[in-house]
Structures are given as C-alpha cells and as structure tokens.
Amino acid sequence: MRVKVSLMGDVCAPRPALLTVHQGTSPPPPLYPPESPLPCFESPTPMMWPPGLMLQQNKLTTTVFHKAQFVVLDGHDCGYAIPHITVPPANLELPLIIAFSKRKVMFSSSKVKANGAQIGCTELAGPPIPLPMLCCGSPVSLPNGFPSFNSLHTVSAGLSIGDIVAGLIAIALEIVGEILSKRLKLGDGGLDGLAGKLLGASTLPEWGLKFGLGLLSGCARIAATQDGKFKVEVGSGYAGFDAAIDHAREGRLKLGAEAHAADLQLGYAYAINPDGTTSHQFTDSAGKLEGADSTQYTITGGSKQKAAVAKLQTTSTRGTVSLYGDRPSDITAASWQQTTTTPATGPATSTTTSYSGSSSLAESWGMPL
C-alpha cells in the first residue's frame, strides 16, 4: 500500500470544518456548567509549526527533500500554541488548551526510512482507510486531523497492514487511557491543571496508567512490524525526560535517554548493531523558530569485521514556510552538515555538505526523494 509523504509546508487541520471538542469553564456569572464539552475551532497550521519546531516536537528530515521541503517523520507533532477558540469563546480553559495543543502523526512506514527514522504517514484518502493525525481534545483526543494536499505529491512510502494496525492501536490506547483516567478519577486530588500538564500527569496512578499503555503500544508496534520502541516519558514538551528501548527491523537494538528544557535537548544512546559493533552516541541540539542546530558525537566499537571509529557530526537546518506565497521559492528548506571521522588507524577526515531545495519551478515541484 502506498501513502503520499507529508512535507513541512503541508497545511493540516481537523476535519470537518476545523472542529474539535474541548471542555471549558466560563467566568462568573456561569454561562454553562463547569467542564462542559464545547465545539472548538482550531487554526490550520503547516506541518512545520514554529512553536513546535523550537521545542523540537516537529520531527522532520534534515538531508532528505521533496519539492524543496523537509519530509515528515515518525512521531511528528505540530506541537504547542495552535490557536483555538471555543463556542462560546468565554472559556477560562482556553490559555491552557492552546499552551498544550497537539496535532500528532500516528502512522509510519516501518520499511521506508530517512535520516534513520521511519517516514511519517497521514492522508485523508490513505488506503485502505484514512490515516488521521491525533488532535488535542477533551475529554478525549480526536483522530480527525489531516493534511490538505499531500495526495498531490509525487513521492509515496510503502505502508504494510502491520503499520496500519500499529497506528490504530496507538490511537485507541491513547484515547482509552484518557477515558480510564477520567472514569477512575486517577487525577483527582493531585496537581492542578497547569502543574499536571507540565509534569505529564497529576498523580502517581495516572502516571502508571500512562506508562503502562505506552509500553503496550510499543509492544503492539514491534509485534506488528518488528520495528518500534518502548518509551517512558515524564514531563511535557516544555521540559521533561524520557527513556526508550528501540528495536529496528534490521536487527539493531538501541537503549537511550533524553532530557529537554525549553529549546535545548541532550541525549545519550547505546546501540548493539547488526554487524556486531556497539556504539555510544551523544547528542545536543537547540531548536529555533526557523530550524535547529545539533551536534552528534558517535563512538563505534570495533568487531572482527570493522575497526573502531569516532565521528562528530554537526547539522544546521533551516526552513521557511509561507501560507500565502504563490511561488515554489516561498516554501524552501536548507541544511548544512559537517562530519569529522577519526578511525582507529590512519588520519582523520572532514567533509562539509550543503543540502538545499531548489527554488526553480521545474525542480522545486518535481524533485525526487
């Protein structure tokens, strides 16, 4: 099954009519009962949404382009600060709703990867069923977000039945977790709304449910596709910590941990590779409204087939999206990468490579992946 790739400039929004549902609380005098479900209009956004990009919630390629743009990867979330307005708009919860908004890609191709990650997949006309993004909502998130025009792209990724099943299970488990937390009142008596959202949960039982369902989702993906991860997270996109065990189809096993605060992110990973080598990888990155700068230092241990190698790679990415532009050059991406490799024997080598989407009409809208 083929699904068209999504690009950084693809505009996405809830369907139909930009509508979701969010609970609200009115200022006095009460206009409606507390915690009432209210229709909510959400603003369309490009996939590369600047607040989510700065907080590194956006997951995009760095050296792979189509139509002069970065391609969406597994785990991509447009992120926070998406404008919302409830009906009626007198809603004390709106600042919190906007501050923790979500529009997340839930499907990915386990067999098609770019920059070491699975290609993210979402399409309104995706075969054999629509492949929605998961949008923020309350009392539960809603699988009703879609990009508008990615069906017009010329590049697609292969999606297996297992990939589709894994995505559907991930959506179901996230919604079931939200329902159970409400029904069992796992958040009652805990941290208030803002503190609970900043830390990822209000009480220990609510954290336990979240972690358990996250592990179950990881198990389902690995069972269905042989490629997935178990991930445990504490915190939010503003600051937090996560640890993961990542199993790749080609036989690599990776254990990693990551901490982030505001636009800064630090990570460490230990990998057992298919060729018998092991590696230690240290990363740091800083997000910006228009891109990101990152440094990755990898030490690969030797095996009978390969000598030990140390590699330092610095990457800088930039992208510009104009929703109102009428030229291909209005939506462009660029990446700069420097790599220094130090083998166990012999001299070190250093290379610098620039990647850029073309702004010409012919190339920008027909560049192959």
Protein backbone atom coordinates (compact mmCIF):
# COMPACT_ATOMS: atom_id res chain seq x y z
CA MET A 1 0.00 0.00 0.00
CA ARG A 2 1.34 3.42 -0.94
CA VAL A 3 0.80 6.64 1.04
CA LYS A 4 1.98 10.04 -0.18
CA VAL A 5 4.64 11.63 2.01
CA SER A 6 3.84 14.75 4.03
CA LEU A 7 6.09 17.80 3.80
CA MET A 8 6.95 20.64 6.15
CA GLY A 9 4.73 23.09 4.25
CA ASP A 10 1.65 20.88 4.04
CA VAL A 11 -1.24 22.62 5.76
CA CYS A 12 -3.10 20.38 8.23
CA ALA A 13 -6.27 20.86 10.26
CA PRO A 14 -9.10 18.94 11.91
CA ARG A 15 -11.92 17.69 9.68
CA PRO A 16 -14.66 18.60 9.17
CA ALA A 17 -14.80 22.40 9.38
CA LEU A 18 -11.68 22.73 11.63
CA LEU A 19 -13.77 21.42 14.56
CA THR A 20 -12.76 19.51 17.69
CA VAL A 21 -14.33 19.36 21.16
CA HIS A 22 -12.77 20.82 24.32
CA GLN A 23 -14.14 21.09 27.82
CA GLY A 24 -14.48 24.59 29.16
CA THR A 25 -15.16 26.66 32.24
CA SER A 26 -16.90 30.01 31.97
CA PRO A 27 -16.11 33.11 34.03
CA PRO A 28 -18.76 34.24 36.53
CA PRO A 29 -21.65 34.52 36.21
CA PRO A 30 -21.68 30.90 34.91
CA LEU A 31 -22.69 30.74 31.27
CA TYR A 32 -22.64 26.95 31.12
CA PRO A 33 -21.95 24.04 33.53
CA PRO A 34 -18.32 23.52 34.55
CA GLU A 35 -16.30 21.09 32.41
CA SER A 36 -18.83 21.27 29.59
CA PRO A 37 -17.78 19.82 26.21
CA LEU A 38 -17.75 22.75 23.77
CA PRO A 39 -17.29 22.87 19.99
CA CYS A 40 -13.86 24.29 19.27
CA PHE A 41 -12.42 25.77 16.09
CA GLU A 42 -8.69 25.11 15.58
CA SER A 43 -6.44 27.07 13.27
CA PRO A 44 -4.87 25.31 10.27
CA THR A 45 -1.08 25.07 10.55
CA PRO A 46 1.77 23.95 8.33
CA MET A 47 3.39 20.72 9.45
CA MET A 48 6.47 22.76 10.33
CA TRP A 49 4.78 24.84 13.02
CA PRO A 50 7.28 27.35 14.54
CA PRO A 51 6.49 26.83 18.27
CA GLY A 52 6.64 23.04 17.83
CA LEU A 53 9.83 23.40 15.80
CA MET A 54 11.52 25.46 18.51
CA LEU A 55 10.54 22.92 21.20
CA GLN A 56 11.69 20.11 18.85
CA GLN A 57 8.27 18.46 18.79
CA ASN A 58 8.43 18.61 14.97
CA LYS A 59 10.18 15.53 13.55
CA LEU A 60 11.49 16.27 10.06
CA THR A 61 14.26 15.06 7.79
CA THR A 62 17.49 17.05 7.66
CA THR A 63 19.13 15.86 4.43
CA VAL A 64 16.20 14.35 2.51
CA PHE A 65 13.94 16.64 0.46
CA HIS A 66 10.91 16.51 -1.77
CA LYS A 67 9.62 19.62 -3.56
CA ALA A 68 12.37 21.65 -1.82
CA GLN A 69 10.99 20.74 1.61
CA PHE A 70 11.83 18.51 4.57
CA VAL A 71 9.75 15.32 4.92
CA VAL A 72 7.65 14.43 8.00
CA LEU A 73 8.97 11.57 10.16
CA ASP A 74 7.53 9.17 12.74
CA GLY A 75 6.46 10.86 15.99
CA HIS A 76 5.94 14.26 14.37
CA ASP A 77 3.72 16.65 16.33
CA CYS A 78 2.83 20.15 15.10
CA GLY A 79 3.02 20.93 18.80
CA TYR A 80 2.00 23.66 21.16
CA ALA A 81 0.47 27.12 20.67
CA ILE A 82 -2.01 26.22 17.92
CA PRO A 83 -4.76 28.91 18.09
CA HIS A 84 -8.13 27.64 19.35
CA ILE A 85 -11.47 29.29 20.02
CA THR A 86 -14.40 27.54 21.70
CA VAL A 87 -18.10 28.27 21.13
CA PRO A 88 -18.96 30.29 23.18
CA PRO A 89 -15.48 31.89 23.42
CA ALA A 90 -15.90 32.85 27.10
CA ASN A 91 -13.72 29.97 28.32
CA LEU A 92 -11.21 30.18 31.16
CA GLU A 93 -9.56 26.97 29.91
CA LEU A 94 -8.53 28.41 26.53
CA PRO A 95 -4.99 29.53 27.56
CA LEU A 96 -4.27 26.01 28.85
CA ILE A 97 -5.80 24.38 25.76
CA ILE A 98 -3.64 26.50 23.44
CA ALA A 99 -0.48 26.11 25.54
CA PHE A 100 -0.68 22.28 25.33
CA SER A 101 -2.18 21.76 21.87
CA LYS A 102 -1.43 18.63 19.87
CA ARG A 103 -1.63 17.51 16.24
CA LYS A 104 0.38 14.29 16.07
CA VAL A 105 1.20 11.82 13.27
CA MET A 106 0.25 8.32 14.46
CA PHE A 107 1.18 6.13 11.46
CA SER A 108 4.61 5.44 9.98
CA SER A 109 6.29 3.15 7.47
CA SER A 110 8.49 0.54 9.14
CA LYS A 111 10.19 -0.27 5.82
CA VAL A 112 10.86 3.24 4.47
CA LYS A 113 13.24 5.40 6.50
CA ALA A 114 15.05 8.71 6.13
CA ASN A 115 17.79 10.03 8.40
CA GLY A 116 17.47 6.80 10.40
CA ALA A 117 13.77 7.26 11.25
CA GLN A 118 10.54 5.90 9.80
CA ILE A 119 8.65 8.11 7.34
CA GLY A 120 5.51 9.54 9.00
CA CYS A 121 2.27 8.80 7.15
CA THR A 122 -1.05 10.62 7.22
CA GLU A 123 -3.54 11.04 4.40
CA LEU A 124 -7.27 11.64 4.15
CA ALA A 125 -7.53 9.26 1.19
CA GLY A 126 -4.93 6.80 2.51
CA PRO A 127 -5.50 3.14 1.57
CA PRO A 128 -7.39 1.18 2.70
CA ILE A 129 -8.72 3.68 5.30
CA PRO A 130 -7.99 7.33 6.14
CA LEU A 131 -4.82 7.77 8.23
CA PRO A 132 -5.63 10.57 10.69
CA MET A 133 -3.43 12.66 12.94
CA LEU A 134 -4.44 12.71 16.62
CA CYS A 135 -5.68 16.17 17.61
CA CYS A 136 -5.93 17.56 21.13
CA GLY A 137 -9.39 17.43 22.65
CA SER A 138 -11.22 16.85 25.90
CA PRO A 139 -12.47 14.73 27.49
CA VAL A 140 -10.52 12.72 24.85
CA SER A 141 -8.22 13.41 21.90
CA LEU A 142 -9.78 13.07 18.45
CA PRO A 143 -8.35 11.25 15.40
CA ASN A 144 -9.61 13.82 12.89
CA GLY A 145 -6.58 15.79 11.69
CA PHE A 146 -5.38 15.59 8.08
CA PRO A 147 -3.02 17.42 5.73
CA SER A 148 -4.93 19.09 2.92
CA PHE A 149 -2.91 18.47 -0.24
CA ASN A 150 -0.29 15.76 0.31
CA SER A 151 -2.23 13.47 -2.05
CA LEU A 152 -0.87 15.69 -4.86
CA HIS A 153 2.78 14.82 -4.11
CA THR A 154 4.70 12.52 -6.45
CA VAL A 155 6.58 10.54 -3.75
CA SER A 156 4.95 7.86 -1.60
CA ALA A 157 6.01 5.41 1.10
CA GLY A 158 5.01 1.76 1.40
CA LEU A 159 2.76 1.03 4.36
CA SER A 160 2.10 -2.54 5.50
CA ILE A 161 -1.01 -3.92 7.19
CA GLY A 162 1.12 -4.16 10.35
CA ASP A 163 1.97 -0.46 10.14
CA ILE A 164 -1.73 0.42 9.89
CA VAL A 165 -2.69 -1.91 12.76
CA ALA A 166 0.09 -0.47 14.95
CA GLY A 167 -1.11 3.09 14.30
CA LEU A 168 -4.74 2.22 15.04
CA ILE A 169 -3.73 0.50 18.28
CA ALA A 170 -1.65 3.55 19.33
CA ILE A 171 -4.64 5.85 18.74
CA ALA A 172 -7.02 3.52 20.58
CA LEU A 173 -4.72 3.13 23.59
CA GLU A 174 -4.22 6.87 23.94
CA ILE A 175 -7.98 7.50 23.86
CA VAL A 176 -8.72 4.57 26.19
CA GLY A 177 -6.12 5.92 28.63
CA GLU A 178 -7.81 9.32 28.69
CA ILE A 179 -11.24 7.71 29.23
CA LEU A 180 -9.99 5.46 32.05
CA SER A 181 -8.22 8.33 33.75
CA LYS A 182 -11.48 10.32 33.77
CA ARG A 183 -13.74 7.41 34.75
CA LEU A 184 -11.44 6.17 37.52
CA LYS A 185 -10.68 9.75 38.59
CA LEU A 186 -6.96 8.98 38.65
CA GLY A 187 -6.07 12.66 38.51
CA ASP A 188 -8.36 13.74 41.36
CA GLY A 189 -6.64 15.14 44.41
CA GLY A 190 -3.38 15.63 42.56
CA LEU A 191 -1.64 18.57 40.95
CA ASP A 192 -3.72 21.36 39.45
CA GLY A 193 -4.28 21.64 35.71
CA LEU A 194 -1.15 23.56 34.74
CA ALA A 195 1.25 21.65 37.02
CA GLY A 196 -0.19 18.30 35.97
CA LYS A 197 0.19 19.10 32.28
CA LEU A 198 3.76 20.34 32.77
CA LEU A 199 4.71 17.08 34.51
CA GLY A 200 2.69 14.81 32.22
CA ALA A 201 0.22 13.57 34.85
CA SER A 202 -1.40 14.78 38.08
CA THR A 203 -0.96 11.71 40.31
CA LEU A 204 1.16 8.55 40.51
CA PRO A 205 -1.75 6.28 39.42
CA GLU A 206 -2.28 8.49 36.36
CA TRP A 207 1.45 8.23 35.53
CA GLY A 208 1.27 4.47 36.00
CA LEU A 209 -1.63 4.17 33.54
CA LYS A 210 0.14 6.39 31.01
CA PHE A 211 3.40 4.42 31.23
CA GLY A 212 1.64 1.06 31.05
CA LEU A 213 -0.37 1.96 27.96
CA GLY A 214 2.74 3.47 26.33
CA LEU A 215 4.63 0.21 26.84
CA LEU A 216 1.65 -1.76 25.48
CA SER A 217 1.61 0.46 22.39
CA GLY A 218 5.33 -0.19 21.86
CA CYS A 219 4.82 -3.95 22.20
CA ALA A 220 1.99 -3.84 19.65
CA ARG A 221 4.15 -1.96 17.13
CA ILE A 222 7.09 -4.33 17.49
CA ALA A 223 4.80 -7.37 17.22
CA ALA A 224 3.09 -5.97 14.11
CA THR A 225 6.12 -4.55 12.29
CA GLN A 226 9.32 -5.83 14.01
CA ASP A 227 10.33 -2.16 14.26
CA GLY A 228 9.36 0.06 17.20
CA LYS A 229 10.22 1.31 20.65
CA PHE A 230 9.19 1.15 24.29
CA LYS A 231 9.21 4.69 25.64
CA VAL A 232 8.62 6.15 29.10
CA GLU A 233 8.20 9.92 29.44
CA VAL A 234 7.96 12.36 32.33
CA GLY A 235 7.10 15.99 31.70
CA SER A 236 5.85 17.87 28.66
CA GLY A 237 7.20 19.50 25.54
CA TYR A 238 8.38 22.43 27.66
CA ALA A 239 10.66 20.33 29.86
CA GLY A 240 10.99 16.64 30.61
CA PHE A 241 12.86 13.36 30.43
CA ASP A 242 12.31 10.14 28.51
CA ALA A 243 13.95 6.73 28.23
CA ALA A 244 13.44 4.29 25.37
CA ILE A 245 14.36 0.84 24.08
CA ASP A 246 14.34 0.87 20.27
CA HIS A 247 14.27 -2.34 18.20
CA ALA A 248 14.93 -1.96 14.46
CA ARG A 249 13.83 -4.42 11.77
CA GLU A 250 17.42 -4.78 10.53
CA GLY A 251 18.50 -6.13 13.93
CA ARG A 252 19.78 -3.07 15.80
CA LEU A 253 18.87 -2.69 19.48
CA LYS A 254 19.26 0.77 21.00
CA LEU A 255 18.82 1.98 24.59
CA GLY A 256 18.59 5.71 25.02
CA ALA A 257 17.66 8.56 27.33
CA GLU A 258 16.92 12.19 26.60
CA ALA A 259 16.36 15.35 28.64
CA HIS A 260 14.98 18.61 27.32
CA ALA A 261 14.14 22.06 28.65
CA ALA A 262 12.67 24.82 26.51
CA ASP A 263 14.57 24.76 23.19
CA LEU A 264 17.54 22.69 24.45
CA GLN A 265 17.84 18.90 24.24
CA LEU A 266 20.51 16.45 25.43
CA GLY A 267 20.58 12.73 24.66
CA TYR A 268 22.60 9.54 25.04
CA ALA A 269 22.12 6.19 23.32
CA TYR A 270 23.89 2.83 23.42
CA ALA A 271 23.37 0.60 20.38
CA ILE A 272 24.13 -3.02 19.51
CA ASN A 273 24.47 -3.03 15.72
CA PRO A 274 23.74 -5.84 13.23
CA ASP A 275 27.41 -6.01 12.18
CA GLY A 276 28.48 -6.92 15.72
CA THR A 277 29.76 -3.47 16.68
CA THR A 278 28.47 -1.41 19.57
CA SER A 279 28.24 2.36 19.71
CA HIS A 280 27.83 5.22 22.16
CA GLN A 281 26.08 8.30 20.82
CA PHE A 282 25.88 11.71 22.50
CA THR A 283 23.67 14.44 21.05
CA ASP A 284 22.80 18.01 21.87
CA SER A 285 20.51 20.28 19.90
CA ALA A 286 18.93 23.71 20.09
CA GLY A 287 15.60 24.39 18.42
CA LYS A 288 14.70 27.69 16.79
CA LEU A 289 11.55 29.11 15.26
CA GLU A 290 13.04 28.57 11.80
CA GLY A 291 15.09 25.40 12.29
CA ALA A 292 17.56 23.64 14.59
CA ASP A 293 21.28 23.24 15.26
CA SER A 294 22.56 19.89 16.51
CA THR A 295 25.82 18.11 17.33
CA GLN A 296 26.13 14.33 17.39
CA TYR A 297 29.22 12.50 18.62
CA THR A 298 29.34 8.74 17.99
CA ILE A 299 31.97 6.26 19.13
CA THR A 300 31.62 2.88 17.42
CA GLY A 301 33.48 -0.05 18.99
CA GLY A 302 35.37 -2.47 16.80
CA SER A 303 34.46 -6.01 15.75
CA LYS A 304 36.26 -8.69 13.76
CA GLN A 305 34.98 -7.07 10.58
CA LYS A 306 35.30 -3.36 11.44
CA ALA A 307 37.77 -1.13 13.25
CA ALA A 308 36.74 1.38 15.90
CA VAL A 309 35.59 4.75 14.58
CA ALA A 310 34.74 8.09 16.20
CA LYS A 311 32.51 10.50 14.30
CA LEU A 312 31.49 14.08 15.10
CA GLN A 313 28.63 15.44 13.03
CA THR A 314 27.26 18.99 13.22
CA THR A 315 23.99 19.74 11.43
CA SER A 316 22.14 23.01 10.91
CA THR A 317 18.69 23.08 9.30
CA ARG A 318 16.56 25.99 8.19
CA GLY A 319 13.13 26.15 6.65
CA THR A 320 10.74 28.87 5.54
CA VAL A 321 7.01 28.37 5.03
CA SER A 322 4.63 30.97 3.68
CA LEU A 323 0.97 30.00 3.66
CA TYR A 324 0.20 32.89 1.34
CA GLY A 325 3.07 32.55 -1.13
CA ASP A 326 2.34 31.83 -4.77
CA ARG A 327 5.82 30.70 -5.85
CA PRO A 328 7.73 27.45 -5.11
CA SER A 329 10.53 29.57 -3.62
CA ASP A 330 8.11 30.65 -0.87
CA ILE A 331 8.39 27.15 0.65
CA THR A 332 12.03 26.08 0.90
CA ALA A 333 14.40 24.21 3.19
CA ALA A 334 18.16 24.12 3.57
CA SER A 335 20.60 22.03 5.60
CA TRP A 336 24.31 22.30 6.32
CA GLN A 337 26.28 19.34 7.69
CA GLN A 338 29.91 18.92 8.72
CA THR A 339 31.29 15.45 9.54
CA THR A 340 34.67 14.65 11.04
CA THR A 341 35.61 10.95 11.15
CA THR A 342 38.53 9.61 13.19
CA PRO A 343 39.38 5.94 12.51
CA ALA A 344 41.42 3.78 14.88
CA THR A 345 44.25 3.83 12.33
CA GLY A 346 45.00 6.46 9.76
CA PRO A 347 44.31 10.20 9.56
CA ALA A 348 41.05 11.92 10.42
CA THR A 349 38.89 13.16 7.54
CA SER A 350 36.45 16.06 7.47
CA THR A 351 33.69 16.83 4.96
CA THR A 352 31.18 19.66 4.67
CA THR A 353 27.97 19.21 2.70
CA SER A 354 25.17 21.63 1.93
CA TYR A 355 21.67 20.49 1.02
CA SER A 356 19.08 22.83 -0.37
CA GLY A 357 15.71 22.59 -2.01
CA SER A 358 15.70 24.22 -5.43
CA SER A 359 13.52 27.27 -5.95
CA SER A 360 13.13 26.71 -9.68
CA LEU A 361 9.63 25.82 -10.86
CA ALA A 362 10.65 22.57 -12.59
CA GLU A 363 12.88 21.23 -9.82
CA SER A 364 11.09 22.53 -6.75
CA TRP A 365 7.82 20.75 -7.53
CA GLY A 366 9.30 17.57 -9.01
CA MET A 367 12.44 16.83 -7.01
CA PRO A 368 12.69 13.09 -6.30
CA LEU A 369 13.08 11.84 -2.71
